[in-house]
N, C-alpha and C. Protein backbone atom coordinates (compact mmCIF):
# COMPACT_ATOMS: atom_id res chain seq x y z
N MET A 1 -11.90 16.75 -26.25
CA MET A 1 -11.70 16.69 -24.80
C MET A 1 -13.04 16.91 -24.11
N ALA A 2 -13.43 15.99 -23.24
CA ALA A 2 -14.68 16.12 -22.49
C ALA A 2 -14.45 16.97 -21.24
N LEU A 3 -15.44 17.77 -20.86
CA LEU A 3 -15.32 18.65 -19.70
C LEU A 3 -16.27 18.20 -18.61
N ILE A 4 -15.73 18.01 -17.39
CA ILE A 4 -16.53 17.68 -16.22
C ILE A 4 -16.28 18.75 -15.17
N ARG A 5 -17.35 19.28 -14.58
CA ARG A 5 -17.18 20.25 -13.51
C ARG A 5 -17.62 19.62 -12.20
N VAL A 6 -16.75 19.69 -11.20
CA VAL A 6 -17.04 19.14 -9.87
C VAL A 6 -16.81 20.24 -8.85
N ASP A 7 -17.82 20.54 -8.04
CA ASP A 7 -17.68 21.52 -6.97
C ASP A 7 -17.40 20.79 -5.67
N GLY A 8 -16.28 21.09 -5.01
CA GLY A 8 -15.92 20.43 -3.76
C GLY A 8 -15.20 21.38 -2.84
N ASP A 9 -15.02 20.93 -1.58
CA ASP A 9 -14.38 21.76 -0.57
C ASP A 9 -13.17 21.03 -0.03
N HIS A 10 -11.95 21.49 -0.37
CA HIS A 10 -10.76 20.80 0.11
C HIS A 10 -10.43 21.16 1.55
N LYS A 11 -11.26 22.04 2.16
CA LYS A 11 -11.02 22.41 3.56
C LYS A 11 -11.96 21.68 4.51
N SER A 12 -12.77 20.76 3.99
CA SER A 12 -13.76 20.11 4.86
C SER A 12 -13.08 19.34 5.99
N ARG A 13 -13.78 19.18 7.10
CA ARG A 13 -13.22 18.56 8.30
C ARG A 13 -13.70 17.12 8.42
N PRO A 14 -13.25 16.38 9.44
CA PRO A 14 -13.67 14.99 9.59
C PRO A 14 -15.19 14.83 9.50
N GLY A 15 -15.61 13.88 8.70
CA GLY A 15 -17.02 13.70 8.39
C GLY A 15 -17.24 13.93 6.91
N GLY A 16 -16.80 15.09 6.38
CA GLY A 16 -16.79 15.34 4.95
C GLY A 16 -15.35 15.27 4.48
N ARG A 17 -14.98 14.19 3.76
CA ARG A 17 -13.58 13.89 3.57
C ARG A 17 -13.05 14.18 2.17
N ASP A 18 -13.63 15.18 1.47
CA ASP A 18 -13.13 15.47 0.13
C ASP A 18 -11.62 15.70 0.12
N HIS A 19 -11.07 16.27 1.20
CA HIS A 19 -9.65 16.61 1.17
C HIS A 19 -8.76 15.38 1.14
N ASP A 20 -9.26 14.19 1.54
CA ASP A 20 -8.45 12.99 1.38
C ASP A 20 -8.32 12.62 -0.10
N ALA A 21 -9.40 12.81 -0.86
CA ALA A 21 -9.33 12.56 -2.30
C ALA A 21 -8.44 13.58 -2.98
N TRP A 22 -8.56 14.86 -2.56
CA TRP A 22 -7.67 15.89 -3.14
C TRP A 22 -6.21 15.58 -2.80
N GLY A 23 -5.97 15.10 -1.59
CA GLY A 23 -4.61 14.74 -1.21
C GLY A 23 -4.10 13.57 -2.02
N CYS A 24 -4.95 12.57 -2.21
CA CYS A 24 -4.57 11.39 -2.97
C CYS A 24 -4.19 11.75 -4.40
N LEU A 25 -4.96 12.62 -5.02
CA LEU A 25 -4.72 12.96 -6.43
C LEU A 25 -3.72 14.08 -6.61
N PHE A 26 -3.85 15.15 -5.78
CA PHE A 26 -3.09 16.37 -6.05
C PHE A 26 -2.18 16.82 -4.91
N GLY A 27 -2.23 16.16 -3.75
CA GLY A 27 -1.37 16.56 -2.63
C GLY A 27 -1.89 17.76 -1.88
N VAL A 28 -3.15 18.14 -2.08
CA VAL A 28 -3.75 19.29 -1.41
C VAL A 28 -4.50 18.82 -0.18
N SER A 29 -4.33 19.55 0.95
CA SER A 29 -4.96 19.14 2.22
C SER A 29 -4.71 17.67 2.49
N ASN A 30 -3.46 17.29 2.35
CA ASN A 30 -3.08 15.86 2.32
C ASN A 30 -2.87 15.30 3.73
N GLU A 31 -3.95 15.30 4.53
CA GLU A 31 -3.85 14.79 5.90
C GLU A 31 -3.65 13.28 5.94
N ALA A 32 -3.98 12.61 4.84
CA ALA A 32 -3.77 11.16 4.78
C ALA A 32 -2.33 10.80 4.43
N ASN A 33 -1.54 11.78 4.00
CA ASN A 33 -0.12 11.60 3.71
C ASN A 33 0.14 10.64 2.54
N PHE A 34 -0.62 10.83 1.45
CA PHE A 34 -0.38 10.08 0.23
C PHE A 34 0.75 10.70 -0.59
N LYS A 35 1.41 9.87 -1.37
CA LYS A 35 2.22 10.39 -2.46
C LYS A 35 1.24 10.81 -3.55
N PRO A 36 1.16 12.11 -3.88
CA PRO A 36 0.14 12.56 -4.83
C PRO A 36 0.26 11.84 -6.18
N LEU A 37 -0.90 11.51 -6.75
CA LEU A 37 -0.88 10.84 -8.04
C LEU A 37 -0.26 11.73 -9.11
N VAL A 38 -0.66 13.00 -9.16
CA VAL A 38 -0.10 13.91 -10.17
C VAL A 38 0.43 15.21 -9.55
N GLY A 39 -0.01 15.57 -8.36
CA GLY A 39 0.45 16.81 -7.74
C GLY A 39 -0.17 18.04 -8.38
N LEU A 40 0.36 19.18 -8.03
CA LEU A 40 -0.09 20.46 -8.60
C LEU A 40 0.80 20.79 -9.79
N ARG A 41 0.25 20.75 -10.97
CA ARG A 41 1.07 20.97 -12.16
C ARG A 41 0.54 22.09 -13.05
N GLY A 42 -0.28 22.96 -12.44
CA GLY A 42 -0.75 24.12 -13.18
C GLY A 42 -1.89 23.77 -14.13
N MET A 43 -2.36 24.78 -14.82
CA MET A 43 -3.43 24.58 -15.79
C MET A 43 -2.87 23.89 -17.04
N ALA A 44 -3.63 22.98 -17.60
CA ALA A 44 -3.20 22.28 -18.81
C ALA A 44 -3.00 23.29 -19.94
N ALA A 45 -1.96 23.08 -20.73
CA ALA A 45 -1.63 24.03 -21.80
C ALA A 45 -2.78 24.18 -22.78
N ASP A 46 -3.56 23.11 -22.99
CA ASP A 46 -4.66 23.16 -23.95
C ASP A 46 -6.01 23.23 -23.25
N ALA A 47 -6.04 23.79 -22.04
CA ALA A 47 -7.30 23.91 -21.30
C ALA A 47 -8.30 24.72 -22.12
N SER A 48 -9.56 24.33 -22.02
CA SER A 48 -10.61 24.99 -22.79
C SER A 48 -10.87 26.40 -22.28
N ALA A 49 -11.55 27.17 -23.08
CA ALA A 49 -11.91 28.53 -22.68
C ALA A 49 -12.83 28.51 -21.46
N GLU A 50 -13.66 27.48 -21.35
CA GLU A 50 -14.57 27.40 -20.21
C GLU A 50 -13.80 27.15 -18.93
N VAL A 51 -12.81 26.24 -18.97
CA VAL A 51 -11.99 25.98 -17.79
C VAL A 51 -11.22 27.23 -17.40
N ARG A 52 -10.61 27.88 -18.37
CA ARG A 52 -9.87 29.11 -18.08
C ARG A 52 -10.79 30.18 -17.52
N GLY A 53 -12.03 30.17 -17.99
CA GLY A 53 -12.99 31.16 -17.52
C GLY A 53 -13.33 30.98 -16.05
N PHE A 54 -13.44 29.71 -15.59
CA PHE A 54 -13.70 29.46 -14.17
C PHE A 54 -12.62 30.11 -13.31
N VAL A 55 -11.36 29.88 -13.71
CA VAL A 55 -10.24 30.37 -12.92
C VAL A 55 -10.14 31.89 -13.00
N GLU A 56 -10.30 32.43 -14.18
CA GLU A 56 -10.20 33.88 -14.34
C GLU A 56 -11.32 34.60 -13.58
N ASP A 57 -12.51 33.99 -13.56
CA ASP A 57 -13.62 34.58 -12.81
C ASP A 57 -13.32 34.60 -11.32
N PHE A 58 -12.75 33.50 -10.80
CA PHE A 58 -12.39 33.46 -9.38
C PHE A 58 -11.34 34.51 -9.06
N ARG A 59 -10.33 34.63 -9.90
CA ARG A 59 -9.27 35.61 -9.65
C ARG A 59 -9.80 37.02 -9.70
N ALA A 60 -10.77 37.27 -10.56
CA ALA A 60 -11.35 38.61 -10.65
C ALA A 60 -12.15 38.95 -9.39
N ARG A 61 -12.84 37.93 -8.84
CA ARG A 61 -13.67 38.16 -7.65
C ARG A 61 -12.84 38.20 -6.37
N TYR A 62 -11.74 37.44 -6.36
CA TYR A 62 -10.90 37.36 -5.15
C TYR A 62 -9.44 37.57 -5.53
N PRO A 63 -9.07 38.79 -5.88
CA PRO A 63 -7.72 39.04 -6.39
C PRO A 63 -6.61 38.78 -5.37
N GLN A 64 -6.91 38.83 -4.09
CA GLN A 64 -5.89 38.62 -3.06
C GLN A 64 -5.74 37.14 -2.68
N GLU A 65 -6.63 36.30 -3.19
CA GLU A 65 -6.65 34.90 -2.79
C GLU A 65 -5.70 34.09 -3.68
N PRO A 66 -4.73 33.38 -3.08
CA PRO A 66 -3.85 32.53 -3.89
C PRO A 66 -4.63 31.37 -4.49
N ILE A 67 -4.20 30.92 -5.65
CA ILE A 67 -4.92 29.85 -6.33
C ILE A 67 -3.92 28.92 -7.02
N ASP A 68 -4.18 27.63 -6.92
CA ASP A 68 -3.35 26.62 -7.58
C ASP A 68 -4.23 25.78 -8.49
N CYS A 69 -3.71 25.44 -9.65
CA CYS A 69 -4.45 24.65 -10.63
C CYS A 69 -3.77 23.31 -10.86
N SER A 70 -4.55 22.35 -11.30
CA SER A 70 -3.98 21.07 -11.70
C SER A 70 -5.01 20.33 -12.55
N TRP A 71 -4.66 19.14 -12.96
CA TRP A 71 -5.56 18.32 -13.78
C TRP A 71 -5.08 16.88 -13.76
N VAL A 72 -6.00 15.97 -14.05
CA VAL A 72 -5.66 14.55 -14.10
C VAL A 72 -6.53 13.90 -15.17
N THR A 73 -5.96 13.03 -15.96
CA THR A 73 -6.72 12.35 -17.01
C THR A 73 -7.32 11.06 -16.47
N TRP A 74 -8.30 10.55 -17.20
CA TRP A 74 -8.87 9.27 -16.83
C TRP A 74 -7.82 8.16 -16.92
N LYS A 75 -6.92 8.26 -17.89
CA LYS A 75 -5.88 7.24 -18.02
C LYS A 75 -5.04 7.16 -16.75
N GLU A 76 -4.69 8.32 -16.20
CA GLU A 76 -3.88 8.34 -14.97
C GLU A 76 -4.66 7.76 -13.79
N ILE A 77 -5.94 8.10 -13.70
CA ILE A 77 -6.77 7.55 -12.62
C ILE A 77 -6.96 6.05 -12.82
N GLN A 78 -7.19 5.65 -14.05
CA GLN A 78 -7.42 4.24 -14.36
C GLN A 78 -6.21 3.38 -13.99
N ASN A 79 -5.03 3.93 -14.15
CA ASN A 79 -3.79 3.19 -13.87
C ASN A 79 -3.36 3.29 -12.41
N MET A 80 -4.11 4.03 -11.60
CA MET A 80 -3.78 4.21 -10.19
C MET A 80 -3.97 2.90 -9.42
N ASP A 81 -3.03 2.56 -8.56
CA ASP A 81 -3.15 1.39 -7.70
C ASP A 81 -4.03 1.74 -6.51
N LEU A 82 -5.27 1.29 -6.52
CA LEU A 82 -6.22 1.65 -5.49
C LEU A 82 -5.87 1.06 -4.13
N ASP A 83 -5.06 0.03 -4.12
CA ASP A 83 -4.66 -0.60 -2.85
C ASP A 83 -3.36 -0.03 -2.29
N GLU A 84 -2.77 0.95 -2.98
CA GLU A 84 -1.55 1.57 -2.47
C GLU A 84 -1.85 2.34 -1.19
N GLN A 85 -1.04 2.13 -0.17
CA GLN A 85 -1.24 2.82 1.10
C GLN A 85 -0.55 4.18 1.11
N ALA A 86 -1.03 5.02 2.01
CA ALA A 86 -0.38 6.31 2.24
C ALA A 86 1.02 6.08 2.79
N LEU A 87 1.84 7.12 2.73
CA LEU A 87 3.24 7.00 3.15
C LEU A 87 3.36 6.79 4.65
N THR A 88 2.41 7.34 5.40
CA THR A 88 2.42 7.16 6.85
C THR A 88 0.98 7.25 7.35
N TYR A 89 0.81 7.35 8.67
CA TYR A 89 -0.52 7.36 9.25
C TYR A 89 -1.30 8.63 8.91
N HIS A 90 -2.62 8.51 8.93
CA HIS A 90 -3.51 9.66 8.76
C HIS A 90 -3.41 10.55 9.99
N LEU A 91 -3.56 11.85 9.78
CA LEU A 91 -3.53 12.77 10.92
C LEU A 91 -4.70 12.53 11.87
N SER A 92 -5.83 12.09 11.33
CA SER A 92 -6.99 11.81 12.16
C SER A 92 -7.05 10.32 12.49
N LEU A 93 -7.98 9.96 13.35
CA LEU A 93 -8.11 8.59 13.84
C LEU A 93 -9.31 7.89 13.20
N PHE A 94 -9.15 6.63 12.83
CA PHE A 94 -10.24 5.83 12.30
C PHE A 94 -11.11 5.37 13.48
N VAL A 95 -12.42 5.36 13.27
CA VAL A 95 -13.36 5.08 14.35
C VAL A 95 -14.05 3.74 14.13
N TYR A 96 -14.06 2.93 15.18
CA TYR A 96 -14.72 1.61 15.16
C TYR A 96 -15.68 1.51 16.33
N ALA A 97 -16.72 0.69 16.16
CA ALA A 97 -17.61 0.33 17.26
C ALA A 97 -17.36 -1.13 17.61
N ARG A 98 -17.38 -1.44 18.90
CA ARG A 98 -17.20 -2.83 19.31
C ARG A 98 -18.57 -3.48 19.47
N GLY A 99 -18.79 -4.54 18.70
CA GLY A 99 -20.07 -5.23 18.73
C GLY A 99 -20.22 -6.10 19.96
N ALA A 100 -21.43 -6.68 20.10
CA ALA A 100 -21.71 -7.53 21.26
C ALA A 100 -20.81 -8.75 21.29
N ASP A 101 -20.34 -9.19 20.10
CA ASP A 101 -19.45 -10.36 20.04
C ASP A 101 -17.99 -9.98 20.23
N GLY A 102 -17.73 -8.69 20.48
CA GLY A 102 -16.37 -8.24 20.72
C GLY A 102 -15.62 -7.83 19.48
N ARG A 103 -16.19 -8.10 18.30
CA ARG A 103 -15.51 -7.74 17.07
C ARG A 103 -15.70 -6.26 16.75
N LEU A 104 -14.74 -5.70 16.03
CA LEU A 104 -14.80 -4.29 15.68
C LEU A 104 -15.46 -4.11 14.32
N VAL A 105 -16.31 -3.10 14.23
CA VAL A 105 -16.96 -2.74 12.98
C VAL A 105 -16.61 -1.30 12.67
N ARG A 106 -16.00 -1.07 11.51
CA ARG A 106 -15.60 0.29 11.15
C ARG A 106 -16.83 1.14 10.87
N ARG A 107 -16.88 2.29 11.49
CA ARG A 107 -17.94 3.24 11.19
C ARG A 107 -17.64 3.95 9.88
N GLU A 108 -18.70 4.37 9.22
CA GLU A 108 -18.53 5.08 7.97
C GLU A 108 -19.35 6.36 7.98
N ALA A 109 -18.85 7.35 7.25
CA ALA A 109 -19.56 8.61 7.09
C ALA A 109 -19.37 9.06 5.65
N PHE A 110 -20.45 9.38 4.98
CA PHE A 110 -20.38 9.85 3.60
C PHE A 110 -19.68 8.86 2.69
N GLY A 111 -19.84 7.56 2.97
CA GLY A 111 -19.26 6.55 2.09
C GLY A 111 -17.78 6.29 2.30
N ARG A 112 -17.18 6.96 3.31
CA ARG A 112 -15.77 6.74 3.62
C ARG A 112 -15.64 6.37 5.09
N PRO A 113 -14.48 5.87 5.50
CA PRO A 113 -14.28 5.59 6.93
C PRO A 113 -14.52 6.85 7.76
N GLU A 114 -15.17 6.69 8.90
CA GLU A 114 -15.38 7.82 9.80
C GLU A 114 -14.08 8.11 10.54
N LEU A 115 -13.72 9.38 10.59
CA LEU A 115 -12.48 9.79 11.23
C LEU A 115 -12.78 10.77 12.37
N ALA A 116 -11.86 10.83 13.32
CA ALA A 116 -12.01 11.72 14.47
C ALA A 116 -10.67 12.39 14.77
N ASP A 117 -10.73 13.56 15.36
CA ASP A 117 -9.52 14.29 15.72
C ASP A 117 -8.86 13.69 16.96
N THR A 118 -7.55 13.84 17.05
CA THR A 118 -6.79 13.35 18.19
C THR A 118 -7.30 13.94 19.51
N ALA A 119 -7.82 15.16 19.46
CA ALA A 119 -8.28 15.83 20.68
C ALA A 119 -9.37 15.03 21.41
N ILE A 120 -10.16 14.25 20.67
CA ILE A 120 -11.21 13.44 21.31
C ILE A 120 -10.59 12.44 22.26
N VAL A 121 -9.52 11.78 21.83
CA VAL A 121 -8.85 10.79 22.68
C VAL A 121 -8.21 11.48 23.88
N ILE A 122 -7.59 12.60 23.66
CA ILE A 122 -6.89 13.30 24.74
C ILE A 122 -7.86 13.74 25.83
N GLN A 123 -9.08 14.12 25.46
CA GLN A 123 -10.07 14.53 26.46
C GLN A 123 -10.34 13.42 27.46
N HIS A 124 -10.27 12.18 27.00
CA HIS A 124 -10.58 11.04 27.87
C HIS A 124 -9.34 10.43 28.51
N LEU A 125 -8.17 10.73 27.95
CA LEU A 125 -6.93 10.14 28.46
C LEU A 125 -5.90 11.23 28.72
N PRO A 126 -6.20 12.15 29.64
CA PRO A 126 -5.30 13.28 29.89
C PRO A 126 -3.91 12.85 30.35
N ASP A 127 -3.80 11.68 30.99
CA ASP A 127 -2.50 11.23 31.47
C ASP A 127 -1.58 10.83 30.32
N GLN A 128 -2.14 10.61 29.13
CA GLN A 128 -1.34 10.26 27.96
C GLN A 128 -1.20 11.41 26.98
N GLN A 129 -1.61 12.60 27.41
CA GLN A 129 -1.69 13.75 26.51
C GLN A 129 -0.39 14.01 25.76
N ASP A 130 0.72 14.09 26.49
CA ASP A 130 1.99 14.44 25.85
C ASP A 130 2.40 13.41 24.81
N ALA A 131 2.27 12.13 25.14
CA ALA A 131 2.67 11.08 24.21
C ALA A 131 1.79 11.07 22.97
N ILE A 132 0.49 11.29 23.16
CA ILE A 132 -0.43 11.27 22.03
C ILE A 132 -0.16 12.46 21.10
N TRP A 133 0.06 13.65 21.70
CA TRP A 133 0.34 14.83 20.87
C TRP A 133 1.68 14.69 20.15
N ASP A 134 2.69 14.15 20.83
CA ASP A 134 4.00 13.98 20.20
C ASP A 134 3.89 13.07 18.98
N ALA A 135 3.11 11.99 19.11
CA ALA A 135 2.94 11.08 17.99
C ALA A 135 2.19 11.76 16.84
N ALA A 136 1.15 12.54 17.19
CA ALA A 136 0.38 13.24 16.16
C ALA A 136 1.26 14.26 15.43
N MET A 137 2.12 14.95 16.17
CA MET A 137 3.01 15.93 15.54
C MET A 137 4.03 15.26 14.63
N ALA A 138 4.46 14.06 15.00
CA ALA A 138 5.40 13.33 14.14
C ALA A 138 4.76 13.05 12.78
N ILE A 139 3.48 12.71 12.80
CA ILE A 139 2.78 12.47 11.54
C ILE A 139 2.64 13.78 10.76
N ALA A 140 2.24 14.84 11.45
CA ALA A 140 2.04 16.13 10.79
C ALA A 140 3.32 16.65 10.14
N LEU A 141 4.44 16.39 10.79
CA LEU A 141 5.73 16.87 10.28
C LEU A 141 6.43 15.84 9.41
N GLU A 142 5.72 14.74 9.10
CA GLU A 142 6.23 13.68 8.23
C GLU A 142 7.51 13.06 8.79
N ARG A 143 7.57 12.99 10.11
CA ARG A 143 8.67 12.27 10.75
C ARG A 143 8.21 10.87 11.08
N ARG A 144 9.15 10.01 11.41
CA ARG A 144 8.82 8.63 11.74
C ARG A 144 7.97 8.58 12.99
N TYR A 145 6.94 7.74 12.96
CA TYR A 145 6.07 7.58 14.11
C TYR A 145 6.89 6.99 15.25
N PRO A 146 6.80 7.53 16.47
CA PRO A 146 7.64 7.08 17.58
C PRO A 146 7.52 5.57 17.82
N GLU A 147 8.65 4.91 17.90
CA GLU A 147 8.64 3.47 18.13
C GLU A 147 7.99 3.15 19.47
N GLY A 148 7.07 2.21 19.46
CA GLY A 148 6.39 1.82 20.69
C GLY A 148 5.20 2.69 21.04
N ALA A 149 4.95 3.76 20.26
CA ALA A 149 3.81 4.62 20.56
C ALA A 149 2.50 3.89 20.28
N LEU A 150 1.50 4.16 21.09
CA LEU A 150 0.21 3.50 20.91
C LEU A 150 -0.45 3.94 19.60
N THR A 151 -1.17 3.01 18.99
CA THR A 151 -1.92 3.31 17.76
C THR A 151 -3.40 2.98 17.92
N GLU A 152 -3.83 2.60 19.12
CA GLU A 152 -5.23 2.26 19.32
C GLU A 152 -5.66 2.59 20.75
N TRP A 153 -6.86 3.19 20.86
CA TRP A 153 -7.42 3.51 22.17
C TRP A 153 -8.90 3.15 22.16
N GLU A 154 -9.41 2.63 23.28
CA GLU A 154 -10.83 2.31 23.39
C GLU A 154 -11.45 3.16 24.49
N ILE A 155 -12.54 3.84 24.16
CA ILE A 155 -13.23 4.72 25.10
C ILE A 155 -14.72 4.43 25.02
N ASP A 156 -15.27 3.86 26.08
CA ASP A 156 -16.71 3.59 26.17
C ASP A 156 -17.23 2.80 24.97
N GLY A 157 -16.51 1.78 24.56
CA GLY A 157 -16.97 0.93 23.47
C GLY A 157 -16.64 1.43 22.08
N THR A 158 -16.04 2.61 22.00
CA THR A 158 -15.60 3.14 20.71
C THR A 158 -14.09 3.03 20.63
N VAL A 159 -13.60 2.48 19.53
CA VAL A 159 -12.16 2.28 19.35
C VAL A 159 -11.64 3.27 18.32
N TYR A 160 -10.55 3.95 18.68
CA TYR A 160 -9.90 4.92 17.80
C TYR A 160 -8.54 4.35 17.40
N ARG A 161 -8.26 4.33 16.11
CA ARG A 161 -7.01 3.75 15.61
C ARG A 161 -6.29 4.70 14.68
N ARG A 162 -4.97 4.68 14.76
CA ARG A 162 -4.16 5.32 13.73
C ARG A 162 -3.96 4.30 12.62
N GLU A 163 -4.24 4.71 11.38
CA GLU A 163 -4.12 3.80 10.25
C GLU A 163 -3.56 4.54 9.04
N ARG A 164 -3.07 3.75 8.12
CA ARG A 164 -2.66 4.27 6.81
C ARG A 164 -3.77 3.96 5.82
N MET A 165 -4.28 4.99 5.19
CA MET A 165 -5.37 4.80 4.23
C MET A 165 -4.85 4.13 2.96
N ARG A 166 -5.75 3.49 2.25
CA ARG A 166 -5.50 3.08 0.88
C ARG A 166 -6.16 4.10 -0.04
N ARG A 167 -5.68 4.19 -1.25
CA ARG A 167 -6.25 5.18 -2.16
C ARG A 167 -7.76 4.96 -2.35
N ARG A 168 -8.19 3.72 -2.39
CA ARG A 168 -9.61 3.45 -2.61
C ARG A 168 -10.48 3.99 -1.48
N ASP A 169 -9.91 4.16 -0.27
CA ASP A 169 -10.69 4.65 0.86
C ASP A 169 -11.07 6.12 0.74
N THR A 170 -10.44 6.83 -0.16
CA THR A 170 -10.64 8.28 -0.23
C THR A 170 -11.85 8.69 -1.08
N PHE A 171 -12.39 7.75 -1.84
CA PHE A 171 -13.45 8.11 -2.79
C PHE A 171 -14.82 7.63 -2.29
N ASP A 172 -15.72 8.57 -2.03
CA ASP A 172 -17.06 8.22 -1.56
C ASP A 172 -17.99 8.05 -2.76
N ASP A 173 -19.29 7.92 -2.48
CA ASP A 173 -20.25 7.66 -3.55
C ASP A 173 -20.28 8.80 -4.57
N GLU A 174 -20.18 10.05 -4.11
CA GLU A 174 -20.19 11.17 -5.04
C GLU A 174 -18.97 11.13 -5.96
N TRP A 175 -17.82 10.78 -5.38
CA TRP A 175 -16.63 10.66 -6.21
C TRP A 175 -16.76 9.53 -7.21
N HIS A 176 -17.38 8.43 -6.80
CA HIS A 176 -17.56 7.31 -7.72
C HIS A 176 -18.46 7.70 -8.89
N THR A 177 -19.41 8.60 -8.65
CA THR A 177 -20.23 9.11 -9.74
C THR A 177 -19.37 9.85 -10.75
N VAL A 178 -18.45 10.68 -10.26
CA VAL A 178 -17.54 11.41 -11.15
C VAL A 178 -16.65 10.43 -11.92
N LEU A 179 -16.10 9.46 -11.22
CA LEU A 179 -15.20 8.50 -11.86
C LEU A 179 -15.94 7.64 -12.88
N ASP A 180 -17.18 7.26 -12.55
CA ASP A 180 -17.97 6.48 -13.50
C ASP A 180 -18.25 7.29 -14.77
N LEU A 181 -18.54 8.57 -14.59
CA LEU A 181 -18.79 9.43 -15.75
C LEU A 181 -17.53 9.57 -16.60
N MET A 182 -16.40 9.74 -15.96
CA MET A 182 -15.14 9.82 -16.71
C MET A 182 -14.90 8.52 -17.49
N ARG A 183 -15.19 7.39 -16.85
CA ARG A 183 -15.00 6.09 -17.51
C ARG A 183 -15.88 5.98 -18.76
N LEU A 184 -17.15 6.40 -18.63
CA LEU A 184 -18.06 6.33 -19.76
C LEU A 184 -17.60 7.24 -20.90
N LEU A 185 -17.19 8.45 -20.55
CA LEU A 185 -16.72 9.38 -21.58
C LEU A 185 -15.47 8.88 -22.27
N ALA A 186 -14.64 8.14 -21.53
CA ALA A 186 -13.40 7.62 -22.10
C ALA A 186 -13.67 6.59 -23.20
N HIS A 187 -14.81 5.94 -23.17
CA HIS A 187 -15.14 5.00 -24.24
C HIS A 187 -15.27 5.72 -25.57
N ARG A 188 -15.68 6.98 -25.52
CA ARG A 188 -15.85 7.76 -26.76
C ARG A 188 -14.63 8.59 -27.09
N HIS A 189 -14.02 9.21 -26.04
CA HIS A 189 -12.94 10.16 -26.27
C HIS A 189 -11.55 9.55 -26.07
N GLY A 190 -11.49 8.35 -25.51
CA GLY A 190 -10.19 7.75 -25.20
C GLY A 190 -9.74 8.13 -23.80
N PRO A 191 -8.93 7.29 -23.14
CA PRO A 191 -8.52 7.56 -21.75
C PRO A 191 -7.70 8.84 -21.58
N ASP A 192 -7.01 9.28 -22.62
CA ASP A 192 -6.26 10.54 -22.54
C ASP A 192 -7.14 11.73 -22.90
N GLY A 193 -8.35 11.48 -23.37
CA GLY A 193 -9.21 12.56 -23.83
C GLY A 193 -10.23 13.02 -22.81
N VAL A 194 -10.20 12.46 -21.60
CA VAL A 194 -11.11 12.88 -20.52
C VAL A 194 -10.26 13.36 -19.35
N ARG A 195 -10.50 14.60 -18.94
CA ARG A 195 -9.62 15.22 -17.95
C ARG A 195 -10.45 15.92 -16.89
N LEU A 196 -10.04 15.76 -15.65
CA LEU A 196 -10.63 16.49 -14.53
C LEU A 196 -9.69 17.66 -14.21
N SER A 197 -10.17 18.88 -14.45
CA SER A 197 -9.37 20.07 -14.15
C SER A 197 -9.85 20.68 -12.84
N VAL A 198 -8.92 21.09 -11.98
CA VAL A 198 -9.28 21.58 -10.66
C VAL A 198 -8.52 22.87 -10.34
N TYR A 199 -9.08 23.66 -9.41
CA TYR A 199 -8.30 24.75 -8.83
C TYR A 199 -8.62 24.82 -7.35
N PHE A 200 -7.61 25.20 -6.56
CA PHE A 200 -7.71 25.27 -5.11
C PHE A 200 -7.34 26.67 -4.66
N SER A 201 -8.03 27.16 -3.68
CA SER A 201 -7.71 28.48 -3.15
C SER A 201 -7.51 28.41 -1.65
N GLY A 202 -6.85 29.43 -1.10
CA GLY A 202 -6.67 29.50 0.35
C GLY A 202 -5.47 28.73 0.82
């Protein structure tokens, strides 16, 4: 079994989108509302001493902090449908710039679509505040998006849209480095022999 260590922050805010990848794979900080690929299934029964040591060290340093473990093999990632959409809209808004020709160009940050909080739109459209918040809460509570509710707003040449992400949108260049490494290791160890083990706290 090959061991890969990845340090990430599942609490990052719009701009640093690691939590969309965590949501896609494990259902953690799942603001994109994906059906998790594997979910939280605890530490693997045959986890190495080094992996167990990471978790035990964290628990020793932060005994009051809750912690969840999970893992995913390269085979499971390899078989993932990258074009599968999230179950509903993302909690945040996708950001576009309108070019001189009138066409929209999606902005990107850290190799992923740039996202913005609903509050940005509300600041500019106070007369629509209640409707915009009601729609955002429907997404947060996994209820059906209100029929007829707006999904796009333009403010000073910037367009904000509610969208459903695809799984491929969640992985930036750093994640592709991890996935490429897993792919290479799988040539030697087999697709079931390369595993990404993770733990989440807070």
